[in-house]
């Protein structure tokens, strides 16, 4: 019997304007549009931890978004939801780059 895997959705945004105000604006937009979707187990968004600067730390982003979904179906519904689409439309012009890392996790 196949086990349903949970999906960890991580997005790392590099902003055109990487001021503290611009970072906070994107974090607030994440909170407004990307929380409370069905199948969400965990939501977190925040700025890069400036104090962590080891050789292994990727420092090529300004804001990180982490959403843990119950399964890939929940993630797929989220991607098509009107609130997610609105978030992208309202914020994409502020991004220099958005890197997405999705992984299936669990036993």
PDB file of N, CA and C in Angstrom:
ATOM      1  N   UNK A   1       0.843  -1.192   0.000  1.00  0.00           N
ATOM      2  CA  UNK A   1       0.000   0.000   0.000  1.00  0.00           C
ATOM      3  C   UNK A   1       0.881   1.245   0.000  1.00  0.00           C
ATOM      4  N   UNK A   2       0.620   2.144  -0.917  1.00  0.00           N
ATOM      5  CA  UNK A   2       1.422   3.360  -1.037  1.00  0.00           C
ATOM      6  C   UNK A   2       1.091   4.325   0.097  1.00  0.00           C
ATOM      7  N   UNK A   3       2.121   4.963   0.629  1.00  0.00           N
ATOM      8  CA  UNK A   3       1.954   5.961   1.679  1.00  0.00           C
ATOM      9  C   UNK A   3       1.841   7.336   1.035  1.00  0.00           C
ATOM     10  N   UNK A   4       0.871   8.126   1.484  1.00  0.00           N
ATOM     11  CA  UNK A   4       0.738   9.493   0.984  1.00  0.00           C
ATOM     12  C   UNK A   4       1.831  10.336   1.622  1.00  0.00           C
ATOM     13  N   UNK A   5       2.608  10.988   0.798  1.00  0.00           N
ATOM     14  CA  UNK A   5       3.700  11.834   1.274  1.00  0.00           C
ATOM     15  C   UNK A   5       3.191  13.263   1.474  1.00  0.00           C
ATOM     16  N   UNK A   6       3.718  13.913   2.495  1.00  0.00           N
ATOM     17  CA  UNK A   6       3.457  15.330   2.695  1.00  0.00           C
ATOM     18  C   UNK A   6       4.363  16.108   1.742  1.00  0.00           C
ATOM     19  N   UNK A   7       4.016  17.349   1.457  1.00  0.00           N
ATOM     20  CA  UNK A   7       4.801  18.158   0.536  1.00  0.00           C
ATOM     21  C   UNK A   7       5.276  19.425   1.243  1.00  0.00           C
ATOM     22  N   UNK A   8       6.584  19.656   1.199  1.00  0.00           N
ATOM     23  CA  UNK A   8       7.183  20.873   1.749  1.00  0.00           C
ATOM     24  C   UNK A   8       7.461  21.813   0.593  1.00  0.00           C
ATOM     25  N   UNK A   9       6.840  22.979   0.617  1.00  0.00           N
ATOM     26  CA  UNK A   9       6.940  23.992  -0.440  1.00  0.00           C
ATOM     27  C   UNK A   9       7.755  25.154   0.111  1.00  0.00           C
ATOM     28  N   UNK A  10       8.932  25.368  -0.461  1.00  0.00           N
ATOM     29  CA  UNK A  10       9.822  26.447  -0.024  1.00  0.00           C
ATOM     30  C   UNK A  10      10.073  27.380  -1.198  1.00  0.00           C
ATOM     31  N   UNK A  11       9.903  28.677  -0.971  1.00  0.00           N
ATOM     32  CA  UNK A  11      10.169  29.670  -2.012  1.00  0.00           C
ATOM     33  C   UNK A  11      11.136  30.696  -1.422  1.00  0.00           C
ATOM     34  N   UNK A  12      12.192  30.976  -2.175  1.00  0.00           N
ATOM     35  CA  UNK A  12      13.204  31.944  -1.756  1.00  0.00           C
ATOM     36  C   UNK A  12      13.186  33.100  -2.740  1.00  0.00           C
ATOM     37  N   UNK A  13      12.776  34.274  -2.244  1.00  0.00           N
ATOM     38  CA  UNK A  13      12.608  35.467  -3.071  1.00  0.00           C
ATOM     39  C   UNK A  13      13.827  36.377  -2.954  1.00  0.00           C
ATOM     40  N   UNK A  14      14.349  36.800  -4.094  1.00  0.00           N
ATOM     41  CA  UNK A  14      15.336  37.868  -4.149  1.00  0.00           C
ATOM     42  C   UNK A  14      14.592  39.071  -4.696  1.00  0.00           C
ATOM     43  N   UNK A  15      14.643  40.175  -3.973  1.00  0.00           N
ATOM     44  CA  UNK A  15      13.866  41.355  -4.342  1.00  0.00           C
ATOM     45  C   UNK A  15      14.688  42.366  -5.129  1.00  0.00           C
ATOM     46  N   UNK A  16      14.021  43.109  -5.992  1.00  0.00           N
ATOM     47  CA  UNK A  16      14.676  44.202  -6.712  1.00  0.00           C
ATOM     48  C   UNK A  16      15.084  45.284  -5.729  1.00  0.00           C
ATOM     49  N   UNK A  17      14.207  45.595  -4.786  1.00  0.00           N
ATOM     50  CA  UNK A  17      14.483  46.541  -3.692  1.00  0.00           C
ATOM     51  C   UNK A  17      14.570  45.688  -2.431  1.00  0.00           C
ATOM     52  N   UNK A  18      15.773  45.515  -1.904  1.00  0.00           N
ATOM     53  CA  UNK A  18      15.901  44.645  -0.729  1.00  0.00           C
ATOM     54  C   UNK A  18      16.005  45.433   0.575  1.00  0.00           C
ATOM     55  N   UNK A  19      15.299  46.571   0.621  1.00  0.00           N
ATOM     56  CA  UNK A  19      15.216  47.334   1.869  1.00  0.00           C
ATOM     57  C   UNK A  19      14.373  46.569   2.881  1.00  0.00           C
ATOM     58  N   UNK A  20      14.548  46.904   4.145  1.00  0.00           N
ATOM     59  CA  UNK A  20      13.765  46.263   5.204  1.00  0.00           C
ATOM     60  C   UNK A  20      12.267  46.457   4.965  1.00  0.00           C
ATOM     61  N   UNK A  21      11.888  47.626   4.467  1.00  0.00           N
ATOM     62  CA  UNK A  21      10.468  47.915   4.219  1.00  0.00           C
ATOM     63  C   UNK A  21       9.916  47.015   3.111  1.00  0.00           C
ATOM     64  N   UNK A  22      10.685  46.836   2.038  1.00  0.00           N
ATOM     65  CA  UNK A  22      10.232  45.989   0.935  1.00  0.00           C
ATOM     66  C   UNK A  22      10.130  44.527   1.378  1.00  0.00           C
ATOM     67  N   UNK A  23      11.075  44.078   2.174  1.00  0.00           N
ATOM     68  CA  UNK A  23      11.025  42.711   2.693  1.00  0.00           C
ATOM     69  C   UNK A  23       9.787  42.518   3.552  1.00  0.00           C
ATOM     70  N   UNK A  24       9.523  43.465   4.443  1.00  0.00           N
ATOM     71  CA  UNK A  24       8.361  43.352   5.315  1.00  0.00           C
ATOM     72  C   UNK A  24       7.056  43.400   4.528  1.00  0.00           C
ATOM     73  N   UNK A  25       7.021  44.198   3.470  1.00  0.00           N
ATOM     74  CA  UNK A  25       5.823  44.268   2.628  1.00  0.00           C
ATOM     75  C   UNK A  25       5.520  42.901   2.012  1.00  0.00           C
ATOM     76  N   UNK A  26       6.559  42.203   1.524  1.00  0.00           N
ATOM     77  CA  UNK A  26       6.343  40.879   0.937  1.00  0.00           C
ATOM     78  C   UNK A  26       5.929  39.864   2.001  1.00  0.00           C
ATOM     79  N   UNK A  27       6.554  39.921   3.167  1.00  0.00           N
ATOM     80  CA  UNK A  27       6.176  39.014   4.255  1.00  0.00           C
ATOM     81  C   UNK A  27       4.711  39.226   4.639  1.00  0.00           C
ATOM     82  N   UNK A  28       4.291  40.477   4.710  1.00  0.00           N
ATOM     83  CA  UNK A  28       2.892  40.781   5.035  1.00  0.00           C
ATOM     84  C   UNK A  28       1.948  40.260   3.953  1.00  0.00           C
ATOM     85  N   UNK A  29       2.345  40.378   2.691  1.00  0.00           N
ATOM     86  CA  UNK A  29       1.524  39.862   1.594  1.00  0.00           C
ATOM     87  C   UNK A  29       1.429  38.337   1.675  1.00  0.00           C
ATOM     88  N   UNK A  30       2.518  37.690   2.040  1.00  0.00           N
ATOM     89  CA  UNK A  30       2.479  36.228   2.229  1.00  0.00           C
ATOM     90  C   UNK A  30       1.444  35.880   3.291  1.00  0.00           C
ATOM     91  N   UNK A  31       1.470  36.596   4.408  1.00  0.00           N
ATOM     92  CA  UNK A  31       0.520  36.350   5.484  1.00  0.00           C
ATOM     93  C   UNK A  31      -0.915  36.594   5.070  1.00  0.00           C
ATOM     94  N   UNK A  32      -1.129  37.618   4.246  1.00  0.00           N
ATOM     95  CA  UNK A  32      -2.477  37.970   3.805  1.00  0.00           C
ATOM     96  C   UNK A  32      -3.053  36.935   2.833  1.00  0.00           C
ATOM     97  N   UNK A  33      -2.265  36.501   1.876  1.00  0.00           N
ATOM     98  CA  UNK A  33      -2.775  35.677   0.786  1.00  0.00           C
ATOM     99  C   UNK A  33      -2.472  34.180   0.888  1.00  0.00           C
ATOM    100  N   UNK A  34      -1.440  33.814   1.624  1.00  0.00           N
ATOM    101  CA  UNK A  34      -0.967  32.431   1.538  1.00  0.00           C
ATOM    102  C   UNK A  34      -1.230  31.595   2.785  1.00  0.00           C
ATOM    103  N   UNK A  35      -1.861  32.165   3.788  1.00  0.00           N
ATOM    104  CA  UNK A  35      -2.210  31.417   5.001  1.00  0.00           C
ATOM    105  C   UNK A  35      -3.615  30.831   4.885  1.00  0.00           C
ATOM    106  N   UNK A  36      -3.857  29.782   5.664  1.00  0.00           N
ATOM    107  CA  UNK A  36      -5.209  29.255   5.820  1.00  0.00           C
ATOM    108  C   UNK A  36      -5.753  28.465   4.653  1.00  0.00           C
ATOM    109  N   UNK A  37      -4.910  28.027   3.753  1.00  0.00           N
ATOM    110  CA  UNK A  37      -5.395  27.204   2.636  1.00  0.00           C
ATOM    111  C   UNK A  37      -5.648  25.779   3.132  1.00  0.00           C
ATOM    112  N   UNK A  38      -6.673  25.113   2.594  1.00  0.00           N
ATOM    113  CA  UNK A  38      -6.968  23.735   3.007  1.00  0.00           C
ATOM    114  C   UNK A  38      -5.757  22.831   2.811  1.00  0.00           C
ATOM    115  N   UNK A  39      -5.492  22.003   3.796  1.00  0.00           N
ATOM    116  CA  UNK A  39      -4.384  21.068   3.719  1.00  0.00           C
ATOM    117  C   UNK A  39      -3.052  21.631   4.190  1.00  0.00           C
ATOM    118  N   UNK A  40      -3.050  22.890   4.653  1.00  0.00           N
ATOM    119  CA  UNK A  40      -1.817  23.480   5.168  1.00  0.00           C
ATOM    120  C   UNK A  40      -1.572  22.992   6.587  1.00  0.00           C
ATOM    121  N   UNK A  41      -0.372  22.479   6.827  1.00  0.00           N
ATOM    122  CA  UNK A  41       0.021  22.034   8.159  1.00  0.00           C
ATOM    123  C   UNK A  41       0.837  23.105   8.867  1.00  0.00           C
ATOM    124  N   UNK A  42       1.694  23.786   8.118  1.00  0.00           N
ATOM    125  CA  UNK A  42       2.549  24.819   8.686  1.00  0.00           C
ATOM    126  C   UNK A  42       2.761  25.911   7.660  1.00  0.00           C
ATOM    127  N   UNK A  43       2.749  27.158   8.115  1.00  0.00           N
ATOM    128  CA  UNK A  43       3.057  28.318   7.279  1.00  0.00           C
ATOM    129  C   UNK A  43       4.092  29.154   8.015  1.00  0.00           C
ATOM    130  N   UNK A  44       5.112  29.608   7.302  1.00  0.00           N
ATOM    131  CA  UNK A  44       6.084  30.538   7.871  1.00  0.00           C
ATOM    132  C   UNK A  44       6.675  31.374   6.747  1.00  0.00           C
ATOM    133  N   UNK A  45       6.893  32.642   7.036  1.00  0.00           N
ATOM    134  CA  UNK A  45       7.560  33.537   6.081  1.00  0.00           C
ATOM    135  C   UNK A  45       8.422  34.492   6.888  1.00  0.00           C
ATOM    136  N   UNK A  46       9.622  34.770   6.383  1.00  0.00           N
ATOM    137  CA  UNK A  46      10.497  35.684   7.108  1.00  0.00           C
ATOM    138  C   UNK A  46      11.716  36.073   6.295  1.00  0.00           C
ATOM    139  N   UNK A  47      12.495  36.978   6.872  1.00  0.00           N
ATOM    140  CA  UNK A  47      13.716  37.460   6.235  1.00  0.00           C
ATOM    141  C   UNK A  47      14.868  36.488   6.466  1.00  0.00           C
ATOM    142  N   UNK A  48      15.848  36.555   5.582  1.00  0.00           N
ATOM    143  CA  UNK A  48      17.069  35.755   5.722  1.00  0.00           C
ATOM    144  C   UNK A  48      17.724  36.083   7.058  1.00  0.00           C
ATOM    145  N   UNK A  49      18.240  35.078   7.725  1.00  0.00           N
ATOM    146  CA  UNK A  49      18.943  35.255   9.011  1.00  0.00           C
ATOM    147  C   UNK A  49      20.328  35.829   8.716  1.00  0.00           C
ATOM    148  N   UNK A  50      20.455  37.130   8.855  1.00  0.00           N
ATOM    149  CA  UNK A  50      21.695  37.831   8.496  1.00  0.00           C
ATOM    150  C   UNK A  50      22.903  37.346   9.291  1.00  0.00           C
ATOM    151  N   UNK A  51      22.698  36.918  10.527  1.00  0.00           N
ATOM    152  CA  UNK A  51      23.809  36.514  11.374  1.00  0.00           C
ATOM    153  C   UNK A  51      24.411  35.158  11.031  1.00  0.00           C
ATOM    154  N   UNK A  52      23.749  34.413  10.158  1.00  0.00           N
ATOM    155  CA  UNK A  52      24.265  33.100   9.771  1.00  0.00           C
ATOM    156  C   UNK A  52      24.971  33.226   8.429  1.00  0.00           C
ATOM    157  N   UNK A  53      26.292  33.172   8.483  1.00  0.00           N
ATOM    158  CA  UNK A  53      27.081  33.422   7.287  1.00  0.00           C
ATOM    159  C   UNK A  53      28.200  32.388   7.150  1.00  0.00           C
ATOM    160  N   UNK A  54      27.843  31.118   7.326  1.00  0.00           N
ATOM    161  CA  UNK A  54      28.821  30.044   7.155  1.00  0.00           C
ATOM    162  C   UNK A  54      29.006  29.767   5.664  1.00  0.00           C
ATOM    163  N   UNK A  55      30.079  29.097   5.283  1.00  0.00           N
ATOM    164  CA  UNK A  55      30.290  28.796   3.860  1.00  0.00           C
ATOM    165  C   UNK A  55      29.130  28.038   3.210  1.00  0.00           C
ATOM    166  N   UNK A  56      28.377  27.272   3.988  1.00  0.00           N
ATOM    167  CA  UNK A  56      27.270  26.500   3.418  1.00  0.00           C
ATOM    168  C   UNK A  56      25.966  27.286   3.311  1.00  0.00           C
ATOM    169  N   UNK A  57      25.895  28.466   3.913  1.00  0.00           N
ATOM    170  CA  UNK A  57      24.666  29.259   3.871  1.00  0.00           C
ATOM    171  C   UNK A  57      24.482  29.915   2.507  1.00  0.00           C
ATOM    172  N   UNK A  58      23.324  29.685   1.908  1.00  0.00           N
ATOM    173  CA  UNK A  58      22.943  30.388   0.679  1.00  0.00           C
ATOM    174  C   UNK A  58      22.437  31.764   1.102  1.00  0.00           C
ATOM    175  N   UNK A  59      23.058  32.804   0.627  1.00  0.00           N
ATOM    176  CA  UNK A  59      22.691  34.167   1.014  1.00  0.00           C
ATOM    177  C   UNK A  59      22.130  34.956  -0.161  1.00  0.00           C
ATOM    178  N   UNK A  60      21.690  34.247  -1.186  1.00  0.00           N
ATOM    179  CA  UNK A  60      21.184  34.887  -2.397  1.00  0.00           C
ATOM    180  C   UNK A  60      19.663  35.030  -2.394  1.00  0.00           C
ATOM    181  N   UNK A  61      19.107  35.365  -1.243  1.00  0.00           N
ATOM    182  CA  UNK A  61      17.664  35.613  -1.165  1.00  0.00           C
ATOM    183  C   UNK A  61      17.415  36.626  -0.049  1.00  0.00           C
ATOM    184  N   UNK A  62      16.241  37.221  -0.081  1.00  0.00           N
ATOM    185  CA  UNK A  62      15.855  38.215   0.922  1.00  0.00           C
ATOM    186  C   UNK A  62      14.742  37.721   1.840  1.00  0.00           C
ATOM    187  N   UNK A  63      13.759  37.019   1.260  1.00  0.00           N
ATOM    188  CA  UNK A  63      12.591  36.543   2.001  1.00  0.00           C
ATOM    189  C   UNK A  63      12.384  35.068   1.683  1.00  0.00           C
ATOM    190  N   UNK A  64      12.067  34.291   2.709  1.00  0.00           N
ATOM    191  CA  UNK A  64      11.782  32.866   2.532  1.00  0.00           C
ATOM    192  C   UNK A  64      10.338  32.580   2.929  1.00  0.00           C
ATOM    193  N   UNK A  65       9.708  31.726   2.149  1.00  0.00           N
ATOM    194  CA  UNK A  65       8.353  31.258   2.415  1.00  0.00           C
ATOM    195  C   UNK A  65       8.412  29.744   2.563  1.00  0.00           C
ATOM    196  N   UNK A  66       7.780  29.229   3.615  1.00  0.00           N
ATOM    197  CA  UNK A  66       7.746  27.787   3.856  1.00  0.00           C
ATOM    198  C   UNK A  66       6.300  27.378   4.141  1.00  0.00           C
ATOM    199  N   UNK A  67       5.783  26.470   3.342  1.00  0.00           N
ATOM    200  CA  UNK A  67       4.441  25.941   3.584  1.00  0.00           C
ATOM    201  C   UNK A  67       4.513  24.417   3.510  1.00  0.00           C
ATOM    202  N   UNK A  68       4.028  23.784   4.551  1.00  0.00           N
ATOM    203  CA  UNK A  68       4.016  22.327   4.661  1.00  0.00           C
ATOM    204  C   UNK A  68       2.584  21.888   4.401  1.00  0.00           C
ATOM    205  N   UNK A  69       2.389  21.092   3.349  1.00  0.00           N
ATOM    206  CA  UNK A  69       1.060  20.629   2.968  1.00  0.00           C
ATOM    207  C   UNK A  69       0.874  19.156   3.340  1.00  0.00           C
ATOM    208  N   UNK A  70      -0.358  18.786   3.608  1.00  0.00           N
ATOM    209  CA  UNK A  70      -0.690  17.402   3.971  1.00  0.00           C
ATOM    210  C   UNK A  70      -0.341  16.427   2.857  1.00  0.00           C
ATOM    211  N   UNK A  71      -0.451  16.877   1.607  1.00  0.00           N
ATOM    212  CA  UNK A  71      -0.132  16.024   0.464  1.00  0.00           C
ATOM    213  C   UNK A  71       0.005  16.893  -0.782  1.00  0.00           C
ATOM    214  N   UNK A  72       0.375  16.272  -1.881  1.00  0.00           N
ATOM    215  CA  UNK A  72       0.574  17.040  -3.110  1.00  0.00           C
ATOM    216  C   UNK A  72      -0.733  17.598  -3.646  1.00  0.00           C
ATOM    217  N   UNK A  73      -1.831  16.886  -3.432  1.00  0.00           N
ATOM    218  CA  UNK A  73      -3.124  17.408  -3.888  1.00  0.00           C
ATOM    219  C   UNK A  73      -3.437  18.747  -3.225  1.00  0.00           C
ATOM    220  N   UNK A  74      -3.170  18.875  -1.922  1.00  0.00           N
ATOM    221  CA  UNK A  74      -3.412  20.146  -1.225  1.00  0.00           C
ATOM    222  C   UNK A  74      -2.532  21.241  -1.822  1.00  0.00           C
ATOM    223  N   UNK A  75      -1.286  20.908  -2.105  1.00  0.00           N
ATOM    224  CA  UNK A  75      -0.371  21.867  -2.742  1.00  0.00           C
ATOM    225  C   UNK A  75      -0.900  22.295  -4.112  1.00  0.00           C
ATOM    226  N   UNK A  76      -1.355  21.333  -4.901  1.00  0.00           N
ATOM    227  CA  UNK A  76      -1.839  21.641  -6.246  1.00  0.00           C
ATOM    228  C   UNK A  76      -3.076  22.530  -6.204  1.00  0.00           C
ATOM    229  N   UNK A  77      -3.976  22.292  -5.252  1.00  0.00           N
ATOM    230  CA  UNK A  77      -5.160  23.159  -5.099  1.00  0.00           C
ATOM    231  C   UNK A  77      -4.744  24.572  -4.691  1.00  0.00           C
ATOM    232  N   UNK A  78      -3.768  24.674  -3.806  1.00  0.00           N
ATOM    233  CA  UNK A  78      -3.228  25.965  -3.374  1.00  0.00           C
ATOM    234  C   UNK A  78      -2.687  26.754  -4.566  1.00  0.00           C
ATOM    235  N   UNK A  79      -1.935  26.082  -5.436  1.00  0.00           N
ATOM    236  CA  UNK A  79      -1.326  26.767  -6.581  1.00  0.00           C
ATOM    237  C   UNK A  79      -2.377  27.429  -7.472  1.00  0.00           C
ATOM    238  N   UNK A  80      -3.539  26.815  -7.588  1.00  0.00           N
ATOM    239  CA  UNK A  80      -4.603  27.321  -8.468  1.00  0.00           C
ATOM    240  C   UNK A  80      -5.604  28.227  -7.745  1.00  0.00           C
ATOM    241  N   UNK A  81      -5.458  28.370  -6.429  1.00  0.00           N
ATOM    242  CA  UNK A  81      -6.445  29.140  -5.660  1.00  0.00           C
ATOM    243  C   UNK A  81      -6.395  30.623  -6.026  1.00  0.00           C
ATOM    244  N   UNK A  82      -7.553  31.293  -6.003  1.00  0.00           N
ATOM    245  CA  UNK A  82      -7.590  32.718  -6.340  1.00  0.00           C
ATOM    246  C   UNK A  82      -6.666  33.577  -5.467  1.00  0.00           C
ATOM    247  N   UNK A  83      -6.543  33.252  -4.174  1.00  0.00           N
ATOM    248  CA  UNK A  83      -5.677  34.055  -3.294  1.00  0.00           C
ATOM    249  C   UNK A  83      -4.208  33.896  -3.669  1.00  0.00           C
ATOM    250  N   UNK A  84      -3.788  32.696  -4.032  1.00  0.00           N
ATOM    251  CA  UNK A  84      -2.393  32.497  -4.457  1.00  0.00           C
ATOM    252  C   UNK A  84      -2.128  33.232  -5.767  1.00  0.00           C
ATOM    253  N   UNK A  85      -3.048  33.101  -6.712  1.00  0.00           N
ATOM    254  CA  UNK A  85      -2.903  33.781  -8.003  1.00  0.00           C
ATOM    255  C   UNK A  85      -2.834  35.289  -7.790  1.00  0.00           C
ATOM    256  N   UNK A  86      -3.655  35.829  -6.905  1.00  0.00           N
ATOM    257  CA  UNK A  86      -3.646  37.262  -6.616  1.00  0.00           C
ATOM    258  C   UNK A  86      -2.316  37.676  -5.980  1.00  0.00           C
ATOM    259  N   UNK A  87      -1.790  36.857  -5.063  1.00  0.00           N
ATOM    260  CA  UNK A  87      -0.490  37.137  -4.453  1.00  0.00           C
ATOM    261  C   UNK A  87       0.586  37.276  -5.523  1.00  0.00           C
ATOM    262  N   UNK A  88       0.634  36.331  -6.444  1.00  0.00           N
ATOM    263  CA  UNK A  88       1.646  36.371  -7.501  1.00  0.00           C
ATOM    264  C   UNK A  88       1.467  37.619  -8.352  1.00  0.00           C
ATOM    265  N   UNK A  89       0.252  37.874  -8.787  1.00  0.00           N
ATOM    266  CA  UNK A  89      -0.004  39.037  -9.645  1.00  0.00           C
ATOM    267  C   UNK A  89       0.381  40.355  -8.973  1.00  0.00           C
ATOM    268  N   UNK A  90       0.076  40.493  -7.694  1.00  0.00           N
ATOM    269  CA  UNK A  90       0.345  41.752  -6.989  1.00  0.00           C
ATOM    270  C   UNK A  90       1.805  41.930  -6.586  1.00  0.00           C
ATOM    271  N   UNK A  91       2.580  40.843  -6.545  1.00  0.00           N
ATOM    272  CA  UNK A  91       3.938  40.940  -6.003  1.00  0.00           C
ATOM    273  C   UNK A  91       5.059  40.597  -6.967  1.00  0.00           C
ATOM    274  N   UNK A  92       4.767  39.953  -8.085  1.00  0.00           N
ATOM    275  CA  UNK A  92       5.829  39.446  -8.954  1.00  0.00           C
ATOM    276  C   UNK A  92       6.738  40.534  -9.511  1.00  0.00           C
ATOM    277  N   UNK A  93       6.249  41.729  -9.673  1.00  0.00           N
ATOM    278  CA  UNK A  93       7.090  42.806 -10.198  1.00  0.00           C
ATOM    279  C   UNK A  93       8.181  43.220  -9.220  1.00  0.00           C
ATOM    280  N   UNK A  94       8.020  42.888  -7.948  1.00  0.00           N
ATOM    281  CA  UNK A  94       9.034  43.248  -6.946  1.00  0.00           C
ATOM    282  C   UNK A  94      10.149  42.204  -6.858  1.00  0.00           C
ATOM    283  N   UNK A  95       9.979  41.075  -7.540  1.00  0.00           N
ATOM    284  CA  UNK A  95      10.953  39.987  -7.449  1.00  0.00           C
ATOM    285  C   UNK A  95      12.009  40.085  -8.535  1.00  0.00           C
ATOM    286  N   UNK A  96      13.239  40.006  -8.145  1.00  0.00           N
ATOM    287  CA  UNK A  96      14.325  39.817  -9.104  1.00  0.00           C
ATOM    288  C   UNK A  96      14.356  38.337  -9.491  1.00  0.00           C
ATOM    289  N   UNK A  97      14.083  37.491  -8.486  1.00  0.00           N
ATOM    290  CA  UNK A  97      14.085  36.044  -8.695  1.00  0.00           C
ATOM    291  C   UNK A  97      13.237  35.383  -7.612  1.00  0.00           C
ATOM    292  N   UNK A  98      12.555  34.309  -7.988  1.00  0.00           N
ATOM    293  CA  UNK A  98      11.846  33.460  -7.021  1.00  0.00           C
ATOM    294  C   UNK A  98      12.253  32.025  -7.316  1.00  0.00           C
ATOM    295  N   UNK A  99      12.907  31.399  -6.355  1.00  0.00           N
ATOM    296  CA  UNK A  99      13.345  30.010  -6.512  1.00  0.00           C
ATOM    297  C   UNK A  99      12.439  29.129  -5.666  1.00  0.00           C
ATOM    298  N   UNK A 100      11.915  28.066  -6.269  1.00  0.00           N
ATOM    299  CA  UNK A 100      10.973  27.178  -5.605  1.00  0.00           C
ATOM    300  C   UNK A 100      11.632  25.812  -5.405  1.00  0.00           C
ATOM    301  N   UNK A 101      11.538  25.315  -4.167  1.00  0.00           N
ATOM    302  CA  UNK A 101      12.058  23.998  -3.821  1.00  0.00           C
ATOM    303  C   UNK A 101      10.912  23.217  -3.190  1.00  0.00           C
ATOM    304  N   UNK A 102      10.426  22.207  -3.890  1.00  0.00           N
ATOM    305  CA  UNK A 102       9.352  21.359  -3.384  1.00  0.00           C
ATOM    306  C   UNK A 102       9.905  19.964  -3.120  1.00  0.00           C
ATOM    307  N   UNK A 103       9.524  19.386  -1.992  1.00  0.00           N
ATOM    308  CA  UNK A 103       9.980  18.026  -1.695  1.00  0.00           C
ATOM    309  C   UNK A 103       8.865  17.235  -1.032  1.00  0.00           C
ATOM    310  N   UNK A 104       8.810  15.951  -1.359  1.00  0.00           N
ATOM    311  CA  UNK A 104       7.885  15.027  -0.712  1.00  0.00           C
ATOM    312  C   UNK A 104       8.588  14.466   0.514  1.00  0.00           C
ATOM    313  N   UNK A 105       7.919  14.536   1.650  1.00  0.00           N
ATOM    314  CA  UNK A 105       8.534  14.133   2.910  1.00  0.00           C
ATOM    315  C   UNK A 105       7.643  13.174   3.671  1.00  0.00           C
ATOM    316  N   UNK A 106       8.220  12.462   4.598  1.00  0.00           N
ATOM    317  CA  UNK A 106       7.489  11.497   5.412  1.00  0.00           C
ATOM    318  C   UNK A 106       7.940  10.090   5.079  1.00  0.00           C
ATOM    319  N   UNK A 107       7.456   9.164   5.878  1.00  0.00           N
ATOM    320  CA  UNK A 107       7.837   7.757   5.678  1.00  0.00           C
ATOM    321  C   UNK A 107       7.343   7.203   4.375  1.00  0.00           C
TER     322      UNK A 107
END
